[in-house]
Amino acid sequence: MHCKFIPAIFSLCAAMLFGSAAQADVVPLDRVAAIVDNDVVMVSQVNERMQAVRQQLRQNGTELPPEDQLQSQVLDRLVLESIQLQMGERAGIRIDDAALNQAMQQIAARNNVTLEQFRAALERDGISYNQAREQIRREMIINRVRQRRVRDTIQVTDQEVRNFLNSEVGKYQTSADFRLAMIVLPLAESASQADVEKVAKAAGDIYQQLSSGADFNALAASRSAGDTALEGGELGWRKAAQLPGPFANAVGQLEVGEVTQPMRSPAGFHILKLLEKRGGDGMLVREYEVRHILIKPSEIRSEGEAAQLSQRLYERIKAGEPFAELAKAYSEDPGSALNGGSLNWVTADSLAPEFAEVMTSIPENQVSVPFQSQYGWHILEVTGEREVDMTDEMREQQAINLIQSRKYEEELQTWLLKIRDEAYVETKI
C-alpha cells in the first residue's frame, strides 16, 4: 500500500500501514523512510535503489562507499525525485503504458537488442523488468518537468555565442574531432640502431600491407602492442590539440579511411588511421528538407491521447489528405505549423536524437509512422537531401549547444536546491 497524505495526518496513515501498538505480534512489511510534502519514500524503495547502485558501482569497478553514506545519498535522490514527480502530477504530466512501451523499445534498440533480449539481460543482472520499467516512467516524468521548468527558460544571446567562439575554450571545443585507430610497435628509447632499423622495417611492412588493402583491425589485433589492439586499435575521438604535434599534423592531412606513414615517438613507431572526422574547416554536412506534425501531451491531453491523435493524422495522410493542411490545422510546433510543418533545411545534430534517428533513416518522400521524442509525438516527411559547407553555421550551433548545456546544468542545480528547500521533508531513518 502506498499512502499519499499531508504531514498532519501521518499518524493515521502510519496506523493504516503498521496497525495499532496493541498488535505487537504483527511484523510490518515496510516502513516510511521520509515524508515529502504529500508523498512518502518507503524503506523498500531505498533498499531497492541501494541494491541497484551497488551493482552499478561493482560493474564499473568502483569502491563502494560506507553503507550509511550510500543510504544518505540514495535517500536524498529519492526525496528530490518525489518532489519532481509531485510537480509533474500537479502539472498533469502522465506517461501511459503505450508511451512507456515505446520508450523501452527505443532503449533496447539503442543497445542493439530486441525488447525480449533487453528484458533477459536485466533479469540476468538481478534487476526486475517491471522495476526497471517503472523507473523509466519516473525518469520520463522528471525529464518533462525539467524541460518545462528549466530547459525551456534558457536563452542564449548572439553576443554570448560570439564571445564563446573568440575564447580559447571556444576555439578548442569547436575545432575538428578525429576518431582514430592506432598500431603501435614499441621501442625503448635506449634501443640500439640495429633494433631501431628492425622495428622501422616491421612498421614499413605493415604500412605496405595496409596500402595494399589489408584489414587495419586484423593487423592491429595481431601486430600492435597498444592497449586497444584487440579492439582494432580503436582510440575513440580526439581533438588535434590532444595529439603530439607530428601526429596532429599527419592526421589533419588524412581523408577518412586513410592511414599515416609510420611515425617515430619515444615509445616506438605508430601508424594512425582516420576512421571519422567531425567539425573543422571545410565541413560538408548533410542537410535534410523536412516537415513534421507535432502533437504534445498537456494538462488536458494524456500521452496516450496524444499518441492516438498522431496515429489518426498519420492514417489520414496515408489516405491522401495533404500533409501541409493537416500540419496547419493540428501541429503544435508554432515555428513550423503555419508553413505546413516545414522546418526547411536542417542537420541531424540540431535535432532531438529520436527525431534525427527517424529523419536520417526514412526514405525520401515517405511519411514516417508516429514516434515520440521529449517534445511529444511526431509525424515527419523528408522531401529533400543535400550536402553543404556548414563550417561557420556548425561552429555557431556547437557554441549554442555547449552554452545551453552549461547553463542548463547550472540552472538545474540551482532549481533543485530551491525546490528541495521549499518542500516539507521529514526523514525517518
Protein backbone atom coordinates (compact mmCIF):
# COMPACT_ATOMS: atom_id res chain seq x y z
CA MET A 1 0.00 0.00 0.00
CA HIS A 2 1.29 3.44 -0.89
CA CYS A 3 -0.32 6.28 1.06
CA LYS A 4 -0.46 9.86 -0.11
CA PHE A 5 -1.24 12.36 2.63
CA ILE A 6 -0.35 15.67 4.17
CA PRO A 7 2.09 15.59 7.12
CA ALA A 8 -0.71 16.40 9.60
CA ILE A 9 -2.34 13.02 9.09
CA PHE A 10 0.87 10.95 9.12
CA SER A 11 -0.18 9.18 12.31
CA LEU A 12 -3.42 8.00 10.70
CA CYS A 13 -1.63 6.65 7.63
CA ALA A 14 1.03 5.03 9.81
CA ALA A 15 -1.69 3.23 11.72
CA MET A 16 -3.14 2.02 8.44
CA LEU A 17 0.27 0.77 7.34
CA PHE A 18 1.52 -0.81 10.51
CA GLY A 19 -1.52 -1.48 12.71
CA SER A 20 -2.00 -0.33 16.29
CA ALA A 21 0.51 -0.65 19.10
CA ALA A 22 -1.71 -3.30 20.67
CA GLN A 23 -0.97 -5.65 17.76
CA ALA A 24 2.59 -6.32 18.93
CA ASP A 25 2.74 -9.64 17.13
CA VAL A 26 2.28 -8.07 13.69
CA VAL A 27 5.58 -7.51 11.84
CA PRO A 28 5.40 -4.55 9.38
CA LEU A 29 6.43 -5.39 5.84
CA ASP A 30 7.60 -1.88 5.11
CA ARG A 31 8.00 1.47 6.79
CA VAL A 32 8.38 5.13 5.93
CA ALA A 33 11.87 6.43 5.22
CA ALA A 34 10.84 10.06 4.61
CA ILE A 35 7.75 12.23 4.33
CA VAL A 36 7.99 14.51 1.30
CA ASP A 37 5.14 17.04 1.03
CA ASN A 38 2.11 14.88 0.13
CA ASP A 39 4.07 11.71 -0.54
CA VAL A 40 6.31 9.25 1.26
CA VAL A 41 9.53 7.46 0.42
CA MET A 42 9.44 3.90 1.72
CA VAL A 43 12.37 1.94 3.15
CA SER A 44 11.78 -0.70 0.46
CA GLN A 45 12.37 1.96 -2.22
CA VAL A 46 15.63 2.98 -0.53
CA ASN A 47 16.78 -0.64 -0.31
CA GLU A 48 15.90 -1.38 -3.95
CA ARG A 49 17.75 1.71 -5.18
CA MET A 50 20.77 0.95 -2.99
CA GLN A 51 20.94 -2.54 -4.46
CA ALA A 52 20.88 -1.14 -8.00
CA VAL A 53 23.58 1.45 -7.15
CA ARG A 54 25.82 -1.19 -5.56
CA GLN A 55 25.54 -3.37 -8.63
CA GLN A 56 26.37 -0.47 -10.96
CA LEU A 57 29.39 0.55 -8.88
CA ARG A 58 30.68 -3.05 -8.86
CA GLN A 59 30.27 -3.32 -12.64
CA ASN A 60 32.29 -0.11 -13.03
CA GLY A 61 34.99 -1.38 -10.67
CA THR A 62 34.27 1.46 -8.23
CA GLU A 63 34.86 1.00 -4.50
CA LEU A 64 31.60 1.03 -2.54
CA PRO A 65 31.18 3.95 -0.10
CA PRO A 66 30.31 3.27 3.56
CA GLU A 67 26.75 1.97 3.95
CA ASP A 68 25.47 4.99 5.89
CA GLN A 69 26.81 7.41 3.27
CA LEU A 70 25.28 5.38 0.45
CA GLN A 71 21.92 5.29 2.21
CA SER A 72 22.01 9.06 2.78
CA GLN A 73 22.85 9.74 -0.88
CA VAL A 74 20.13 7.40 -2.13
CA LEU A 75 17.51 8.85 0.22
CA ASP A 76 18.36 12.40 -0.87
CA ARG A 77 17.99 11.34 -4.52
CA LEU A 78 14.63 9.69 -3.87
CA VAL A 79 13.39 12.76 -1.99
CA LEU A 80 14.27 15.00 -4.95
CA GLU A 81 12.61 12.56 -7.33
CA SER A 82 9.46 12.57 -5.21
CA ILE A 83 9.30 16.38 -5.24
CA GLN A 84 9.62 16.46 -9.03
CA LEU A 85 7.11 13.63 -9.54
CA GLN A 86 4.58 15.52 -7.44
CA MET A 87 5.21 18.62 -9.55
CA GLY A 88 4.59 16.50 -12.64
CA GLU A 89 1.36 15.16 -11.19
CA ARG A 90 0.11 18.67 -10.40
CA ALA A 91 1.02 19.74 -13.97
CA GLY A 92 -0.95 16.83 -15.43
CA ILE A 93 2.10 15.06 -16.85
CA ARG A 94 1.28 11.40 -17.46
CA ILE A 95 3.27 8.62 -19.10
CA ASP A 96 0.81 5.93 -20.13
CA ASP A 97 1.66 2.32 -20.95
CA ALA A 98 1.78 2.90 -24.72
CA ALA A 99 4.36 5.68 -24.38
CA LEU A 100 6.32 3.68 -21.81
CA ASN A 101 6.36 0.58 -24.02
CA GLN A 102 7.75 2.62 -26.90
CA ALA A 103 10.43 4.13 -24.63
CA MET A 104 11.51 0.66 -23.54
CA GLN A 105 11.70 -0.46 -27.17
CA GLN A 106 13.80 2.60 -28.03
CA ILE A 107 16.21 1.86 -25.16
CA ALA A 108 16.55 -1.73 -26.37
CA ALA A 109 17.11 -0.57 -29.97
CA ARG A 110 19.85 1.86 -28.89
CA ASN A 111 21.62 -1.11 -27.27
CA ASN A 112 21.18 -3.15 -30.49
CA VAL A 113 18.99 -5.78 -28.85
CA THR A 114 15.34 -6.75 -29.01
CA LEU A 115 12.99 -5.92 -26.16
CA GLU A 116 12.99 -9.57 -25.06
CA GLN A 117 16.81 -9.65 -25.09
CA PHE A 118 16.87 -6.41 -23.08
CA ARG A 119 14.46 -7.90 -20.56
CA ALA A 120 16.55 -11.07 -20.27
CA ALA A 121 19.74 -9.03 -19.77
CA LEU A 122 18.12 -7.08 -16.92
CA GLU A 123 16.98 -10.26 -15.22
CA ARG A 124 20.45 -11.80 -15.58
CA ASP A 125 21.76 -8.75 -13.70
CA GLY A 126 19.19 -9.33 -10.97
CA ILE A 127 17.03 -6.35 -11.96
CA SER A 128 13.27 -6.81 -12.20
CA TYR A 129 11.96 -5.76 -15.61
CA ASN A 130 8.84 -4.24 -14.04
CA GLN A 131 11.01 -2.34 -11.56
CA ALA A 132 13.18 -1.00 -14.40
CA ARG A 133 10.06 -0.13 -16.39
CA GLU A 134 8.58 1.92 -13.56
CA GLN A 135 11.91 3.66 -13.01
CA ILE A 136 11.93 4.68 -16.69
CA ARG A 137 8.39 6.03 -16.24
CA ARG A 138 9.57 8.12 -13.29
CA GLU A 139 12.56 9.40 -15.25
CA MET A 140 10.36 10.35 -18.22
CA ILE A 141 8.06 12.36 -15.96
CA ILE A 142 11.02 14.06 -14.27
CA ASN A 143 12.56 14.91 -17.66
CA ARG A 144 9.25 16.50 -18.74
CA VAL A 145 9.17 18.56 -15.54
CA ARG A 146 12.76 19.73 -16.02
CA GLN A 147 12.08 20.53 -19.67
CA ARG A 148 9.19 22.84 -18.74
CA ARG A 149 10.66 24.39 -15.62
CA VAL A 150 14.33 24.75 -16.55
CA ARG A 151 15.42 23.98 -20.13
CA ASP A 152 12.62 25.94 -21.83
CA THR A 153 13.59 29.09 -19.88
CA ILE A 154 17.23 29.17 -21.07
CA GLN A 155 18.19 31.91 -23.53
CA VAL A 156 21.46 32.22 -25.49
CA THR A 157 22.28 35.61 -26.99
CA ASP A 158 24.26 36.32 -30.17
CA GLN A 159 26.87 38.15 -28.06
CA GLU A 160 27.36 35.08 -25.86
CA VAL A 161 27.94 32.97 -28.97
CA ARG A 162 30.50 35.45 -30.38
CA ASN A 163 32.33 35.70 -27.05
CA PHE A 164 32.50 31.91 -26.76
CA LEU A 165 33.79 31.40 -30.31
CA ASN A 166 36.52 34.01 -29.75
CA SER A 167 37.68 32.46 -26.47
CA GLU A 168 40.45 29.87 -26.22
CA VAL A 169 38.00 27.36 -24.78
CA GLY A 170 35.57 28.01 -27.63
CA LYS A 171 38.25 27.64 -30.31
CA TYR A 172 39.32 24.34 -28.77
CA GLN A 173 35.84 22.89 -28.31
CA THR A 174 34.67 23.82 -31.82
CA SER A 175 37.81 22.54 -33.54
CA ALA A 176 37.76 19.30 -35.52
CA ASP A 177 37.35 15.93 -33.81
CA PHE A 178 39.08 12.85 -35.16
CA ARG A 179 38.07 9.26 -34.47
CA LEU A 180 41.29 7.29 -34.69
CA ALA A 181 42.76 3.81 -34.54
CA MET A 182 46.44 3.11 -33.98
CA ILE A 183 49.00 0.35 -34.44
CA VAL A 184 51.98 0.62 -32.08
CA LEU A 185 55.31 -1.16 -32.42
CA PRO A 186 57.14 -0.48 -29.13
CA LEU A 187 60.78 0.53 -28.95
CA ALA A 188 62.81 1.53 -25.92
CA GLU A 189 64.46 4.97 -26.01
CA SER A 190 67.79 3.26 -25.32
CA ALA A 191 67.34 0.82 -28.23
CA SER A 192 70.36 0.15 -30.43
CA GLN A 193 70.48 1.34 -34.02
CA ALA A 194 70.01 -2.26 -35.18
CA ASP A 195 66.82 -2.56 -33.09
CA VAL A 196 65.53 0.75 -34.44
CA GLU A 197 66.09 -0.37 -38.00
CA LYS A 198 64.41 -3.72 -37.31
CA VAL A 199 61.26 -2.13 -35.85
CA ALA A 200 61.21 0.55 -38.56
CA LYS A 201 61.30 -2.18 -41.22
CA ALA A 202 58.41 -4.04 -39.49
CA ALA A 203 56.38 -0.81 -39.37
CA GLY A 204 57.12 -0.20 -43.06
CA ASP A 205 55.96 -3.72 -43.91
CA ILE A 206 52.67 -3.15 -42.05
CA TYR A 207 52.18 0.17 -43.86
CA GLN A 208 52.71 -1.53 -47.23
CA GLN A 209 50.14 -4.19 -46.34
CA LEU A 210 47.65 -1.50 -45.34
CA SER A 211 48.32 0.43 -48.57
CA SER A 212 47.57 -2.79 -50.46
CA GLY A 213 44.20 -3.15 -48.78
CA ALA A 214 44.96 -5.25 -45.69
CA ASP A 215 42.47 -5.02 -42.83
CA PHE A 216 43.63 -2.49 -40.20
CA ASN A 217 41.69 -4.17 -37.37
CA ALA A 218 43.23 -7.56 -38.07
CA LEU A 219 46.77 -6.15 -38.23
CA ALA A 220 46.21 -4.18 -35.03
CA ALA A 221 45.00 -7.31 -33.24
CA SER A 222 47.94 -9.40 -34.44
CA ARG A 223 50.85 -6.92 -34.52
CA SER A 224 50.11 -3.90 -32.31
CA ALA A 225 51.31 -3.62 -28.71
CA GLY A 226 48.78 -0.88 -27.88
CA ASP A 227 46.25 -1.21 -25.04
CA THR A 228 43.37 -1.35 -27.55
CA ALA A 229 45.00 -3.75 -30.01
CA LEU A 230 42.28 -6.38 -29.59
CA GLU A 231 39.65 -3.72 -30.31
CA GLY A 232 41.25 -2.98 -33.67
CA GLY A 233 43.46 -0.27 -32.17
CA GLU A 234 40.42 1.98 -31.58
CA LEU A 235 41.36 5.20 -29.74
CA GLY A 236 37.98 6.94 -29.88
CA TRP A 237 37.53 10.65 -30.57
CA ARG A 238 40.43 13.06 -30.12
CA LYS A 239 40.96 16.77 -30.69
CA ALA A 240 44.06 17.66 -32.69
CA ALA A 241 45.34 19.53 -29.62
CA GLN A 242 45.25 16.26 -27.66
CA LEU A 243 47.73 14.62 -30.05
CA PRO A 244 51.52 15.10 -30.21
CA GLY A 245 52.42 17.76 -32.78
CA PRO A 246 53.67 15.43 -35.55
CA PHE A 247 50.63 13.16 -35.09
CA ALA A 248 48.20 16.09 -35.27
CA ASN A 249 49.80 17.39 -38.48
CA ALA A 250 49.73 13.96 -40.12
CA VAL A 251 46.12 13.21 -39.10
CA GLY A 252 44.98 16.65 -40.30
CA GLN A 253 46.09 15.75 -43.84
CA LEU A 254 44.22 12.43 -43.98
CA GLU A 255 40.94 11.68 -45.66
CA VAL A 256 38.57 9.37 -43.79
CA GLY A 257 39.77 5.79 -44.23
CA GLU A 258 43.42 6.70 -44.90
CA VAL A 259 46.44 5.82 -42.73
CA THR A 260 49.59 7.74 -41.85
CA GLN A 261 53.05 6.54 -42.72
CA PRO A 262 54.94 5.10 -39.71
CA MET A 263 55.85 7.86 -37.23
CA ARG A 264 58.54 7.65 -34.56
CA SER A 265 57.95 8.69 -30.95
CA PRO A 266 59.85 7.96 -27.72
CA ALA A 267 57.56 4.92 -27.29
CA GLY A 268 58.16 3.38 -30.71
CA PHE A 269 56.63 3.53 -34.19
CA HIS A 270 52.97 4.40 -34.76
CA ILE A 271 50.55 4.11 -37.68
CA LEU A 272 47.26 6.01 -37.31
CA LYS A 273 44.04 5.50 -39.25
CA LEU A 274 41.35 8.19 -39.54
CA LEU A 275 38.02 6.45 -39.02
CA GLU A 276 35.76 9.52 -38.86
CA LYS A 277 36.01 13.29 -38.72
CA ARG A 278 33.57 15.88 -37.50
CA GLY A 279 33.79 19.67 -37.32
CA GLY A 280 36.73 21.76 -38.50
CA ASP A 281 37.15 23.78 -41.69
CA GLY A 282 35.51 22.86 -44.97
CA MET A 283 33.00 20.66 -43.19
CA LEU A 284 30.48 19.16 -45.60
CA VAL A 285 27.27 18.42 -43.75
CA ARG A 286 24.22 16.54 -44.95
CA GLU A 287 21.08 18.64 -44.67
CA TYR A 288 17.52 17.40 -44.82
CA GLU A 289 14.49 19.31 -46.06
CA VAL A 290 11.86 18.06 -43.67
CA ARG A 291 8.35 18.80 -42.49
CA HIS A 292 6.59 17.44 -39.44
CA ILE A 293 3.46 17.48 -37.32
CA LEU A 294 3.95 17.71 -33.54
CA ILE A 295 1.27 16.62 -31.07
CA LYS A 296 2.11 17.47 -27.45
CA PRO A 297 0.74 15.90 -24.28
CA SER A 298 -0.62 18.53 -21.91
CA GLU A 299 -2.80 19.12 -18.85
CA ILE A 300 -5.88 18.24 -20.93
CA ARG A 301 -4.33 15.59 -23.20
CA SER A 302 -2.58 12.48 -21.86
CA GLU A 303 0.39 10.76 -23.52
CA GLY A 304 -1.96 8.08 -24.78
CA GLU A 305 -4.40 10.59 -26.27
CA ALA A 306 -1.51 12.41 -27.98
CA ALA A 307 -0.30 9.09 -29.43
CA GLN A 308 -3.82 8.24 -30.65
CA LEU A 309 -4.29 11.63 -32.32
CA SER A 310 -0.93 11.36 -34.10
CA GLN A 311 -1.91 7.86 -35.32
CA ARG A 312 -5.23 9.17 -36.70
CA LEU A 313 -3.42 12.00 -38.52
CA TYR A 314 -0.93 9.50 -39.95
CA GLU A 315 -3.78 7.38 -41.29
CA ARG A 316 -5.43 10.45 -42.85
CA ILE A 317 -2.16 11.37 -44.61
CA LYS A 318 -1.79 7.81 -45.90
CA ALA A 319 -5.38 8.03 -47.15
CA GLY A 320 -4.46 11.04 -49.28
CA GLU A 321 -5.12 14.15 -47.20
CA PRO A 322 -2.48 16.90 -47.70
CA PHE A 323 0.32 16.81 -45.13
CA ALA A 324 0.64 20.60 -45.13
CA GLU A 325 -3.06 21.20 -44.44
CA LEU A 326 -3.10 18.79 -41.51
CA ALA A 327 0.10 20.39 -40.14
CA LYS A 328 -1.52 23.84 -40.27
CA ALA A 329 -4.63 22.55 -38.52
CA TYR A 330 -3.12 20.28 -35.86
CA SER A 331 0.65 20.75 -35.37
CA GLU A 332 1.66 22.30 -32.07
CA ASP A 333 5.10 23.44 -33.24
CA PRO A 334 4.49 27.20 -33.57
CA GLY A 335 7.65 27.68 -35.62
CA SER A 336 6.57 25.39 -38.44
CA ALA A 337 2.81 24.83 -38.30
CA LEU A 338 1.86 27.91 -40.35
CA ASN A 339 4.34 26.81 -43.03
CA GLY A 340 2.66 23.43 -43.40
CA GLY A 341 5.03 21.83 -40.90
CA SER A 342 8.16 22.80 -42.85
CA LEU A 343 11.41 23.02 -40.89
CA ASN A 344 13.23 23.97 -44.11
CA TRP A 345 16.80 22.58 -44.27
CA VAL A 346 18.12 21.10 -41.01
CA THR A 347 21.01 18.89 -39.85
CA ALA A 348 20.71 15.80 -37.68
CA ASP A 349 22.90 17.32 -34.94
CA SER A 350 20.49 20.21 -34.43
CA LEU A 351 17.53 17.99 -33.57
CA ALA A 352 16.35 15.73 -30.76
CA PRO A 353 18.03 12.30 -31.07
CA GLU A 354 14.76 10.44 -31.67
CA PHE A 355 13.77 12.89 -34.42
CA ALA A 356 17.20 12.75 -36.06
CA GLU A 357 17.23 8.95 -35.99
CA VAL A 358 13.94 8.70 -37.91
CA MET A 359 14.83 11.55 -40.28
CA THR A 360 18.15 10.02 -41.33
CA SER A 361 16.78 6.51 -41.79
CA ILE A 362 13.49 7.10 -43.62
CA PRO A 363 13.41 7.12 -47.46
CA GLU A 364 12.83 10.47 -49.15
CA ASN A 365 9.15 11.40 -49.69
CA GLN A 366 7.91 8.68 -47.33
CA VAL A 367 5.83 9.65 -44.29
CA SER A 368 7.04 8.18 -41.00
CA VAL A 369 4.82 6.33 -38.58
CA PRO A 370 4.19 8.36 -35.42
CA PHE A 371 7.12 8.37 -32.98
CA GLN A 372 7.90 10.04 -29.69
CA SER A 373 10.58 12.50 -28.57
CA GLN A 374 10.96 14.58 -25.43
CA TYR A 375 8.71 17.20 -27.06
CA GLY A 376 5.76 14.94 -27.93
CA TRP A 377 4.60 12.78 -30.84
CA HIS A 378 5.83 13.47 -34.38
CA ILE A 379 4.99 12.52 -37.94
CA LEU A 380 7.68 13.59 -40.41
CA GLU A 381 8.49 13.51 -44.09
CA VAL A 382 11.87 14.17 -45.71
CA THR A 383 11.33 15.99 -49.00
CA GLY A 384 14.97 16.56 -49.98
CA GLU A 385 18.65 15.96 -49.06
CA ARG A 386 21.87 17.83 -49.89
CA GLU A 387 25.46 18.36 -48.72
CA VAL A 388 26.63 21.89 -47.94
CA ASP A 389 29.70 23.52 -46.38
CA MET A 390 28.42 24.42 -42.95
CA THR A 391 31.67 25.28 -41.19
CA ASP A 392 30.54 28.64 -39.73
CA GLU A 393 26.98 27.54 -39.07
CA MET A 394 28.14 24.33 -37.41
CA ARG A 395 30.53 26.21 -35.15
CA GLU A 396 27.73 28.58 -34.12
CA GLN A 397 25.36 25.70 -33.46
CA GLN A 398 28.06 23.89 -31.48
CA ALA A 399 28.59 27.04 -29.44
CA ILE A 400 24.85 27.40 -28.79
CA ASN A 401 24.57 23.75 -27.73
CA LEU A 402 27.59 23.99 -25.42
CA ILE A 403 26.37 27.23 -23.82
CA GLN A 404 22.87 25.81 -23.39
CA SER A 405 24.25 22.65 -21.79
CA ARG A 406 26.42 24.65 -19.41
CA LYS A 407 23.55 26.98 -18.47
CA TYR A 408 21.17 24.05 -18.08
CA GLU A 409 23.47 22.28 -15.61
CA GLU A 410 23.91 25.49 -13.63
CA GLU A 411 20.20 26.35 -13.65
CA LEU A 412 19.20 22.77 -12.88
CA GLN A 413 21.34 22.60 -9.74
CA THR A 414 20.02 25.97 -8.54
CA TRP A 415 16.45 24.89 -9.24
CA LEU A 416 16.89 21.53 -7.46
CA LEU A 417 18.24 23.28 -4.36
CA LYS A 418 15.30 25.69 -4.47
CA ILE A 419 12.58 23.06 -4.72
CA ARG A 420 14.31 20.98 -2.01
CA ASP A 421 14.40 23.98 0.36
CA GLU A 422 10.74 24.78 -0.32
CA ALA A 423 9.48 21.23 0.24
CA TYR A 424 8.37 19.73 3.55
CA VAL A 425 10.76 16.84 4.18
CA GLU A 426 10.91 14.73 7.36
CA THR A 427 13.31 11.80 7.37
CA LYS A 428 12.55 8.71 9.46
CA ILE A 429 15.71 6.66 9.06
